[in-house]
Amino acid sequence: MTDPTIEEMRAVLSDAEEWNREQAIYWFASDHHSGQWSNLYAALCATEYQPSVIERCPDGEDCYQALVAAFTHGTSRTWPH
């Protein structure tokens, strides 16, 4: 697992719609950060997306899975549908 910056994650998702990109960054950073001093935690705080209180996972998995593929060693989370 690497500790990408928000800019690195946005670069991976550069072809995605802004809403999907920011949502995936938020959930990926939320699931994988290693504490308040990590790049992922900084990304979590800096993303333009804020989930509602009842949200527990991203709407679409494509962008999230692209981040998993780019920055983890095959570790993935399966979301309930």
PDB file of N, CA and C in Angstrom:
ATOM      1  N   MET A   1       0.852  -1.186   0.000  1.00  0.00           N
ATOM      2  CA  MET A   1       0.000   0.000   0.000  1.00  0.00           C
ATOM      3  C   MET A   1       0.886   1.234   0.000  1.00  0.00           C
ATOM      4  N   THR A   2       0.602   2.122  -0.917  1.00  0.00           N
ATOM      5  CA  THR A   2       1.305   3.397  -0.939  1.00  0.00           C
ATOM      6  C   THR A   2       0.445   4.458  -0.265  1.00  0.00           C
ATOM      7  N   ASP A   3       0.985   5.634  -0.100  1.00  0.00           N
ATOM      8  CA  ASP A   3       0.274   6.743   0.535  1.00  0.00           C
ATOM      9  C   ASP A   3       0.186   7.896  -0.457  1.00  0.00           C
ATOM     10  N   PRO A   4      -0.699   7.773  -1.466  1.00  0.00           N
ATOM     11  CA  PRO A   4      -0.755   8.782  -2.531  1.00  0.00           C
ATOM     12  C   PRO A   4      -1.314  10.110  -2.050  1.00  0.00           C
ATOM     13  N   THR A   5      -0.921  11.158  -2.765  1.00  0.00           N
ATOM     14  CA  THR A   5      -1.483  12.485  -2.509  1.00  0.00           C
ATOM     15  C   THR A   5      -2.803  12.617  -3.279  1.00  0.00           C
ATOM     16  N   ILE A   6      -3.553  13.647  -2.967  1.00  0.00           N
ATOM     17  CA  ILE A   6      -4.801  13.886  -3.682  1.00  0.00           C
ATOM     18  C   ILE A   6      -4.536  14.154  -5.163  1.00  0.00           C
ATOM     19  N   GLU A   7      -3.423  14.820  -5.453  1.00  0.00           N
ATOM     20  CA  GLU A   7      -3.073  15.102  -6.846  1.00  0.00           C
ATOM     21  C   GLU A   7      -2.780  13.811  -7.613  1.00  0.00           C
ATOM     22  N   GLU A   8      -2.093  12.872  -6.977  1.00  0.00           N
ATOM     23  CA  GLU A   8      -1.802  11.587  -7.625  1.00  0.00           C
ATOM     24  C   GLU A   8      -3.089  10.804  -7.891  1.00  0.00           C
ATOM     25  N   MET A   9      -4.019  10.831  -6.949  1.00  0.00           N
ATOM     26  CA  MET A   9      -5.284  10.127  -7.150  1.00  0.00           C
ATOM     27  C   MET A   9      -6.122  10.805  -8.225  1.00  0.00           C
ATOM     28  N   ARG A  10      -6.141  12.121  -8.235  1.00  0.00           N
ATOM     29  CA  ARG A  10      -6.876  12.833  -9.286  1.00  0.00           C
ATOM     30  C   ARG A  10      -6.278  12.543 -10.656  1.00  0.00           C
ATOM     31  N   ALA A  11      -4.967  12.379 -10.735  1.00  0.00           N
ATOM     32  CA  ALA A  11      -4.318  12.057 -12.010  1.00  0.00           C
ATOM     33  C   ALA A  11      -4.757  10.676 -12.505  1.00  0.00           C
ATOM     34  N   VAL A  12      -4.866   9.702 -11.610  1.00  0.00           N
ATOM     35  CA  VAL A  12      -5.327   8.366 -11.991  1.00  0.00           C
ATOM     36  C   VAL A  12      -6.751   8.423 -12.520  1.00  0.00           C
ATOM     37  N   LEU A  13      -7.560   9.298 -11.928  1.00  0.00           N
ATOM     38  CA  LEU A  13      -8.981   9.396 -12.283  1.00  0.00           C
ATOM     39  C   LEU A  13      -9.273  10.597 -13.183  1.00  0.00           C
ATOM     40  N   SER A  14      -8.291  11.043 -13.926  1.00  0.00           N
ATOM     41  CA  SER A  14      -8.442  12.278 -14.716  1.00  0.00           C
ATOM     42  C   SER A  14      -9.555  12.204 -15.757  1.00  0.00           C
ATOM     43  N   ASP A  15      -9.908  11.016 -16.226  1.00  0.00           N
ATOM     44  CA  ASP A  15     -10.972  10.878 -17.218  1.00  0.00           C
ATOM     45  C   ASP A  15     -12.363  10.749 -16.602  1.00  0.00           C
ATOM     46  N   ALA A  16     -12.441  10.640 -15.283  1.00  0.00           N
ATOM     47  CA  ALA A  16     -13.727  10.454 -14.604  1.00  0.00           C
ATOM     48  C   ALA A  16     -14.421  11.793 -14.401  1.00  0.00           C
ATOM     49  N   GLU A  17     -15.732  11.742 -14.256  1.00  0.00           N
ATOM     50  CA  GLU A  17     -16.491  12.936 -13.913  1.00  0.00           C
ATOM     51  C   GLU A  17     -16.067  13.395 -12.520  1.00  0.00           C
ATOM     52  N   GLU A  18     -16.074  14.695 -12.301  1.00  0.00           N
ATOM     53  CA  GLU A  18     -15.595  15.257 -11.029  1.00  0.00           C
ATOM     54  C   GLU A  18     -16.292  14.642  -9.818  1.00  0.00           C
ATOM     55  N   TRP A  19     -17.617  14.498  -9.886  1.00  0.00           N
ATOM     56  CA  TRP A  19     -18.376  13.940  -8.760  1.00  0.00           C
ATOM     57  C   TRP A  19     -17.893  12.532  -8.426  1.00  0.00           C
ATOM     58  N   ASN A  20     -17.762  11.677  -9.439  1.00  0.00           N
ATOM     59  CA  ASN A  20     -17.314  10.302  -9.213  1.00  0.00           C
ATOM     60  C   ASN A  20     -15.876  10.263  -8.710  1.00  0.00           C
ATOM     61  N   ARG A  21     -15.036  11.125  -9.264  1.00  0.00           N
ATOM     62  CA  ARG A  21     -13.626  11.181  -8.869  1.00  0.00           C
ATOM     63  C   ARG A  21     -13.492  11.562  -7.396  1.00  0.00           C
ATOM     64  N   GLU A  22     -14.142  12.631  -7.001  1.00  0.00           N
ATOM     65  CA  GLU A  22     -14.017  13.110  -5.619  1.00  0.00           C
ATOM     66  C   GLU A  22     -14.633  12.130  -4.624  1.00  0.00           C
ATOM     67  N   GLN A  23     -15.730  11.508  -5.017  1.00  0.00           N
ATOM     68  CA  GLN A  23     -16.368  10.518  -4.152  1.00  0.00           C
ATOM     69  C   GLN A  23     -15.442   9.319  -3.947  1.00  0.00           C
ATOM     70  N   ALA A  24     -14.818   8.829  -5.004  1.00  0.00           N
ATOM     71  CA  ALA A  24     -13.901   7.696  -4.896  1.00  0.00           C
ATOM     72  C   ALA A  24     -12.684   8.045  -4.042  1.00  0.00           C
ATOM     73  N   ILE A  25     -12.154   9.246  -4.220  1.00  0.00           N
ATOM     74  CA  ILE A  25     -11.010   9.680  -3.417  1.00  0.00           C
ATOM     75  C   ILE A  25     -11.384   9.720  -1.943  1.00  0.00           C
ATOM     76  N   TYR A  26     -12.548  10.262  -1.641  1.00  0.00           N
ATOM     77  CA  TYR A  26     -12.995  10.335  -0.242  1.00  0.00           C
ATOM     78  C   TYR A  26     -13.055   8.939   0.381  1.00  0.00           C
ATOM     79  N   TRP A  27     -13.749   8.015  -0.278  1.00  0.00           N
ATOM     80  CA  TRP A  27     -13.936   6.682   0.306  1.00  0.00           C
ATOM     81  C   TRP A  27     -12.635   5.885   0.333  1.00  0.00           C
ATOM     82  N   PHE A  28     -11.803   6.012  -0.694  1.00  0.00           N
ATOM     83  CA  PHE A  28     -10.522   5.316  -0.704  1.00  0.00           C
ATOM     84  C   PHE A  28      -9.646   5.834   0.443  1.00  0.00           C
ATOM     85  N   ALA A  29      -9.574   7.148   0.593  1.00  0.00           N
ATOM     86  CA  ALA A  29      -8.774   7.730   1.666  1.00  0.00           C
ATOM     87  C   ALA A  29      -9.332   7.347   3.034  1.00  0.00           C
ATOM     88  N   SER A  30     -10.636   7.339   3.161  1.00  0.00           N
ATOM     89  CA  SER A  30     -11.272   6.951   4.418  1.00  0.00           C
ATOM     90  C   SER A  30     -10.942   5.507   4.786  1.00  0.00           C
ATOM     91  N   ASP A  31     -10.951   4.639   3.810  1.00  0.00           N
ATOM     92  CA  ASP A  31     -10.696   3.211   4.050  1.00  0.00           C
ATOM     93  C   ASP A  31      -9.233   2.877   4.277  1.00  0.00           C
ATOM     94  N   HIS A  32      -8.316   3.670   3.730  1.00  0.00           N
ATOM     95  CA  HIS A  32      -6.916   3.259   3.704  1.00  0.00           C
ATOM     96  C   HIS A  32      -5.930   4.184   4.419  1.00  0.00           C
ATOM     97  N   HIS A  33      -6.352   5.332   4.949  1.00  0.00           N
ATOM     98  CA  HIS A  33      -5.365   6.226   5.569  1.00  0.00           C
ATOM     99  C   HIS A  33      -4.777   5.586   6.827  1.00  0.00           C
ATOM    100  N   SER A  34      -3.568   6.009   7.160  1.00  0.00           N
ATOM    101  CA  SER A  34      -2.876   5.437   8.317  1.00  0.00           C
ATOM    102  C   SER A  34      -2.770   6.426   9.481  1.00  0.00           C
ATOM    103  N   GLY A  35      -3.552   7.465   9.453  1.00  0.00           N
ATOM    104  CA  GLY A  35      -3.545   8.430  10.545  1.00  0.00           C
ATOM    105  C   GLY A  35      -3.460   9.853  10.029  1.00  0.00           C
ATOM    106  N   GLN A  36      -3.584  10.790  10.926  1.00  0.00           N
ATOM    107  CA  GLN A  36      -3.724  12.190  10.540  1.00  0.00           C
ATOM    108  C   GLN A  36      -2.503  12.788   9.866  1.00  0.00           C
ATOM    109  N   TRP A  37      -1.354  12.131   9.901  1.00  0.00           N
ATOM    110  CA  TRP A  37      -0.159  12.670   9.260  1.00  0.00           C
ATOM    111  C   TRP A  37       0.068  12.086   7.877  1.00  0.00           C
ATOM    112  N   SER A  38      -0.835  11.228   7.399  1.00  0.00           N
ATOM    113  CA  SER A  38      -0.651  10.590   6.096  1.00  0.00           C
ATOM    114  C   SER A  38      -1.204  11.456   4.966  1.00  0.00           C
ATOM    115  N   ASN A  39      -0.707  11.211   3.758  1.00  0.00           N
ATOM    116  CA  ASN A  39      -1.232  11.889   2.567  1.00  0.00           C
ATOM    117  C   ASN A  39      -2.706  11.556   2.358  1.00  0.00           C
ATOM    118  N   LEU A  40      -3.077  10.306   2.619  1.00  0.00           N
ATOM    119  CA  LEU A  40      -4.466   9.907   2.418  1.00  0.00           C
ATOM    120  C   LEU A  40      -5.413  10.640   3.375  1.00  0.00           C
ATOM    121  N   TYR A  41      -4.983  10.851   4.598  1.00  0.00           N
ATOM    122  CA  TYR A  41      -5.821  11.605   5.531  1.00  0.00           C
ATOM    123  C   TYR A  41      -5.965  13.056   5.066  1.00  0.00           C
ATOM    124  N   ALA A  42      -4.861  13.621   4.575  1.00  0.00           N
ATOM    125  CA  ALA A  42      -4.915  14.987   4.036  1.00  0.00           C
ATOM    126  C   ALA A  42      -5.877  15.048   2.848  1.00  0.00           C
ATOM    127  N   ALA A  43      -5.850  14.016   1.999  1.00  0.00           N
ATOM    128  CA  ALA A  43      -6.758  13.957   0.845  1.00  0.00           C
ATOM    129  C   ALA A  43      -8.204  13.850   1.313  1.00  0.00           C
ATOM    130  N   LEU A  44      -8.439  13.048   2.329  1.00  0.00           N
ATOM    131  CA  LEU A  44      -9.782  12.887   2.887  1.00  0.00           C
ATOM    132  C   LEU A  44     -10.337  14.239   3.335  1.00  0.00           C
ATOM    133  N   CYS A  45      -9.496  15.038   3.953  1.00  0.00           N
ATOM    134  CA  CYS A  45      -9.919  16.358   4.435  1.00  0.00           C
ATOM    135  C   CYS A  45     -10.053  17.380   3.303  1.00  0.00           C
ATOM    136  N   ALA A  46      -9.287  17.200   2.227  1.00  0.00           N
ATOM    137  CA  ALA A  46      -9.241  18.196   1.153  1.00  0.00           C
ATOM    138  C   ALA A  46     -10.221  17.940   0.011  1.00  0.00           C
ATOM    139  N   THR A  47     -10.766  16.737  -0.085  1.00  0.00           N
ATOM    140  CA  THR A  47     -11.653  16.437  -1.199  1.00  0.00           C
ATOM    141  C   THR A  47     -12.890  17.326  -1.171  1.00  0.00           C
ATOM    142  N   GLU A  48     -13.427  17.580  -2.328  1.00  0.00           N
ATOM    143  CA  GLU A  48     -14.607  18.424  -2.445  1.00  0.00           C
ATOM    144  C   GLU A  48     -15.895  17.663  -2.147  1.00  0.00           C
ATOM    145  N   TYR A  49     -15.786  16.394  -1.866  1.00  0.00           N
ATOM    146  CA  TYR A  49     -16.944  15.542  -1.603  1.00  0.00           C
ATOM    147  C   TYR A  49     -17.122  15.327  -0.108  1.00  0.00           C
ATOM    148  N   GLN A  50     -18.331  15.443   0.361  1.00  0.00           N
ATOM    149  CA  GLN A  50     -18.668  15.120   1.744  1.00  0.00           C
ATOM    150  C   GLN A  50     -19.926  14.260   1.722  1.00  0.00           C
ATOM    151  N   PRO A  51     -19.852  13.038   2.251  1.00  0.00           N
ATOM    152  CA  PRO A  51     -21.017  12.156   2.205  1.00  0.00           C
ATOM    153  C   PRO A  51     -22.120  12.616   3.157  1.00  0.00           C
ATOM    154  N   SER A  52     -23.340  12.177   2.861  1.00  0.00           N
ATOM    155  CA  SER A  52     -24.432  12.441   3.795  1.00  0.00           C
ATOM    156  C   SER A  52     -24.252  11.503   4.997  1.00  0.00           C
ATOM    157  N   VAL A  53     -24.966  11.764   6.056  1.00  0.00           N
ATOM    158  CA  VAL A  53     -24.812  10.963   7.275  1.00  0.00           C
ATOM    159  C   VAL A  53     -25.267   9.515   7.104  1.00  0.00           C
ATOM    160  N   ILE A  54     -26.057   9.228   6.072  1.00  0.00           N
ATOM    161  CA  ILE A  54     -26.527   7.857   5.881  1.00  0.00           C
ATOM    162  C   ILE A  54     -25.704   7.074   4.852  1.00  0.00           C
ATOM    163  N   GLU A  55     -24.760   7.737   4.176  1.00  0.00           N
ATOM    164  CA  GLU A  55     -23.923   7.055   3.194  1.00  0.00           C
ATOM    165  C   GLU A  55     -22.856   6.229   3.884  1.00  0.00           C
ATOM    166  N   ARG A  56     -22.604   5.039   3.335  1.00  0.00           N
ATOM    167  CA  ARG A  56     -21.584   4.164   3.904  1.00  0.00           C
ATOM    168  C   ARG A  56     -20.592   3.660   2.870  1.00  0.00           C
ATOM    169  N   CYS A  57     -20.828   3.969   1.591  1.00  0.00           N
ATOM    170  CA  CYS A  57     -19.945   3.495   0.527  1.00  0.00           C
ATOM    171  C   CYS A  57     -20.181   4.327  -0.731  1.00  0.00           C
ATOM    172  N   PRO A  58     -19.259   4.255  -1.686  1.00  0.00           N
ATOM    173  CA  PRO A  58     -19.431   5.026  -2.929  1.00  0.00           C
ATOM    174  C   PRO A  58     -20.577   4.498  -3.771  1.00  0.00           C
ATOM    175  N   ASP A  59     -21.190   5.385  -4.556  1.00  0.00           N
ATOM    176  CA  ASP A  59     -22.276   4.977  -5.453  1.00  0.00           C
ATOM    177  C   ASP A  59     -21.786   4.007  -6.519  1.00  0.00           C
ATOM    178  N   GLY A  60     -20.697   4.324  -7.148  1.00  0.00           N
ATOM    179  CA  GLY A  60     -20.134   3.472  -8.187  1.00  0.00           C
ATOM    180  C   GLY A  60     -18.762   2.990  -7.774  1.00  0.00           C
ATOM    181  N   GLU A  61     -18.436   1.774  -8.155  1.00  0.00           N
ATOM    182  CA  GLU A  61     -17.171   1.203  -7.724  1.00  0.00           C
ATOM    183  C   GLU A  61     -16.040   1.388  -8.725  1.00  0.00           C
ATOM    184  N   ASP A  62     -16.318   1.791  -9.960  1.00  0.00           N
ATOM    185  CA  ASP A  62     -15.271   1.851 -10.982  1.00  0.00           C
ATOM    186  C   ASP A  62     -14.103   2.738 -10.583  1.00  0.00           C
ATOM    187  N   CYS A  63     -14.370   3.945 -10.160  1.00  0.00           N
ATOM    188  CA  CYS A  63     -13.301   4.865  -9.777  1.00  0.00           C
ATOM    189  C   CYS A  63     -12.592   4.375  -8.518  1.00  0.00           C
ATOM    190  N   TYR A  64     -13.356   3.894  -7.557  1.00  0.00           N
ATOM    191  CA  TYR A  64     -12.761   3.365  -6.327  1.00  0.00           C
ATOM    192  C   TYR A  64     -11.822   2.211  -6.658  1.00  0.00           C
ATOM    193  N   GLN A  65     -12.271   1.295  -7.506  1.00  0.00           N
ATOM    194  CA  GLN A  65     -11.442   0.146  -7.869  1.00  0.00           C
ATOM    195  C   GLN A  65     -10.204   0.565  -8.671  1.00  0.00           C
ATOM    196  N   ALA A  66     -10.299   1.641  -9.435  1.00  0.00           N
ATOM    197  CA  ALA A  66      -9.127   2.158 -10.148  1.00  0.00           C
ATOM    198  C   ALA A  66      -8.073   2.628  -9.148  1.00  0.00           C
ATOM    199  N   LEU A  67      -8.500   3.248  -8.057  1.00  0.00           N
ATOM    200  CA  LEU A  67      -7.560   3.661  -7.017  1.00  0.00           C
ATOM    201  C   LEU A  67      -6.970   2.456  -6.299  1.00  0.00           C
ATOM    202  N   VAL A  68      -7.791   1.461  -6.034  1.00  0.00           N
ATOM    203  CA  VAL A  68      -7.294   0.222  -5.421  1.00  0.00           C
ATOM    204  C   VAL A  68      -6.214  -0.389  -6.300  1.00  0.00           C
ATOM    205  N   ALA A  69      -6.490  -0.480  -7.597  1.00  0.00           N
ATOM    206  CA  ALA A  69      -5.525  -1.075  -8.523  1.00  0.00           C
ATOM    207  C   ALA A  69      -4.232  -0.266  -8.595  1.00  0.00           C
ATOM    208  N   ALA A  70      -4.333   1.043  -8.533  1.00  0.00           N
ATOM    209  CA  ALA A  70      -3.160   1.900  -8.675  1.00  0.00           C
ATOM    210  C   ALA A  70      -2.307   1.973  -7.410  1.00  0.00           C
ATOM    211  N   PHE A  71      -2.929   1.878  -6.245  1.00  0.00           N
ATOM    212  CA  PHE A  71      -2.194   2.195  -5.024  1.00  0.00           C
ATOM    213  C   PHE A  71      -2.136   1.104  -3.963  1.00  0.00           C
ATOM    214  N   THR A  72      -2.737  -0.045  -4.218  1.00  0.00           N
ATOM    215  CA  THR A  72      -2.643  -1.143  -3.259  1.00  0.00           C
ATOM    216  C   THR A  72      -2.066  -2.362  -3.965  1.00  0.00           C
ATOM    217  N   HIS A  73      -1.816  -3.362  -3.200  1.00  0.00           N
ATOM    218  CA  HIS A  73      -1.287  -4.611  -3.751  1.00  0.00           C
ATOM    219  C   HIS A  73      -2.406  -5.631  -3.876  1.00  0.00           C
ATOM    220  N   GLY A  74      -3.497  -5.234  -4.532  1.00  0.00           N
ATOM    221  CA  GLY A  74      -4.613  -6.136  -4.741  1.00  0.00           C
ATOM    222  C   GLY A  74      -5.596  -6.182  -3.586  1.00  0.00           C
ATOM    223  N   THR A  75      -5.365  -5.388  -2.552  1.00  0.00           N
ATOM    224  CA  THR A  75      -6.295  -5.350  -1.427  1.00  0.00           C
ATOM    225  C   THR A  75      -7.514  -4.556  -1.842  1.00  0.00           C
ATOM    226  N   SER A  76      -8.676  -5.173  -1.766  1.00  0.00           N
ATOM    227  CA  SER A  76      -9.883  -4.512  -2.211  1.00  0.00           C
ATOM    228  C   SER A  76     -10.985  -4.709  -1.203  1.00  0.00           C
ATOM    229  N   ARG A  77     -11.880  -3.781  -1.179  1.00  0.00           N
ATOM    230  CA  ARG A  77     -13.062  -3.883  -0.317  1.00  0.00           C
ATOM    231  C   ARG A  77     -14.264  -4.097  -1.221  1.00  0.00           C
ATOM    232  N   THR A  78     -15.100  -5.023  -0.872  1.00  0.00           N
ATOM    233  CA  THR A  78     -16.317  -5.272  -1.631  1.00  0.00           C
ATOM    234  C   THR A  78     -17.468  -4.549  -0.943  1.00  0.00           C
ATOM    235  N   TRP A  79     -18.158  -3.733  -1.696  1.00  0.00           N
ATOM    236  CA  TRP A  79     -19.267  -2.966  -1.153  1.00  0.00           C
ATOM    237  C   TRP A  79     -20.571  -3.728  -1.325  1.00  0.00           C
ATOM    238  N   PRO A  80     -21.461  -3.635  -0.345  1.00  0.00           N
ATOM    239  CA  PRO A  80     -22.782  -4.236  -0.522  1.00  0.00           C
ATOM    240  C   PRO A  80     -23.578  -3.473  -1.560  1.00  0.00           C
ATOM    241  N   HIS A  81     -24.369  -4.154  -2.344  1.00  0.00           N
ATOM    242  CA  HIS A  81     -25.177  -3.495  -3.379  1.00  0.00           C
ATOM    243  C   HIS A  81     -26.620  -3.407  -2.954  1.00  0.00           C
TER     244      HIS A  81
END
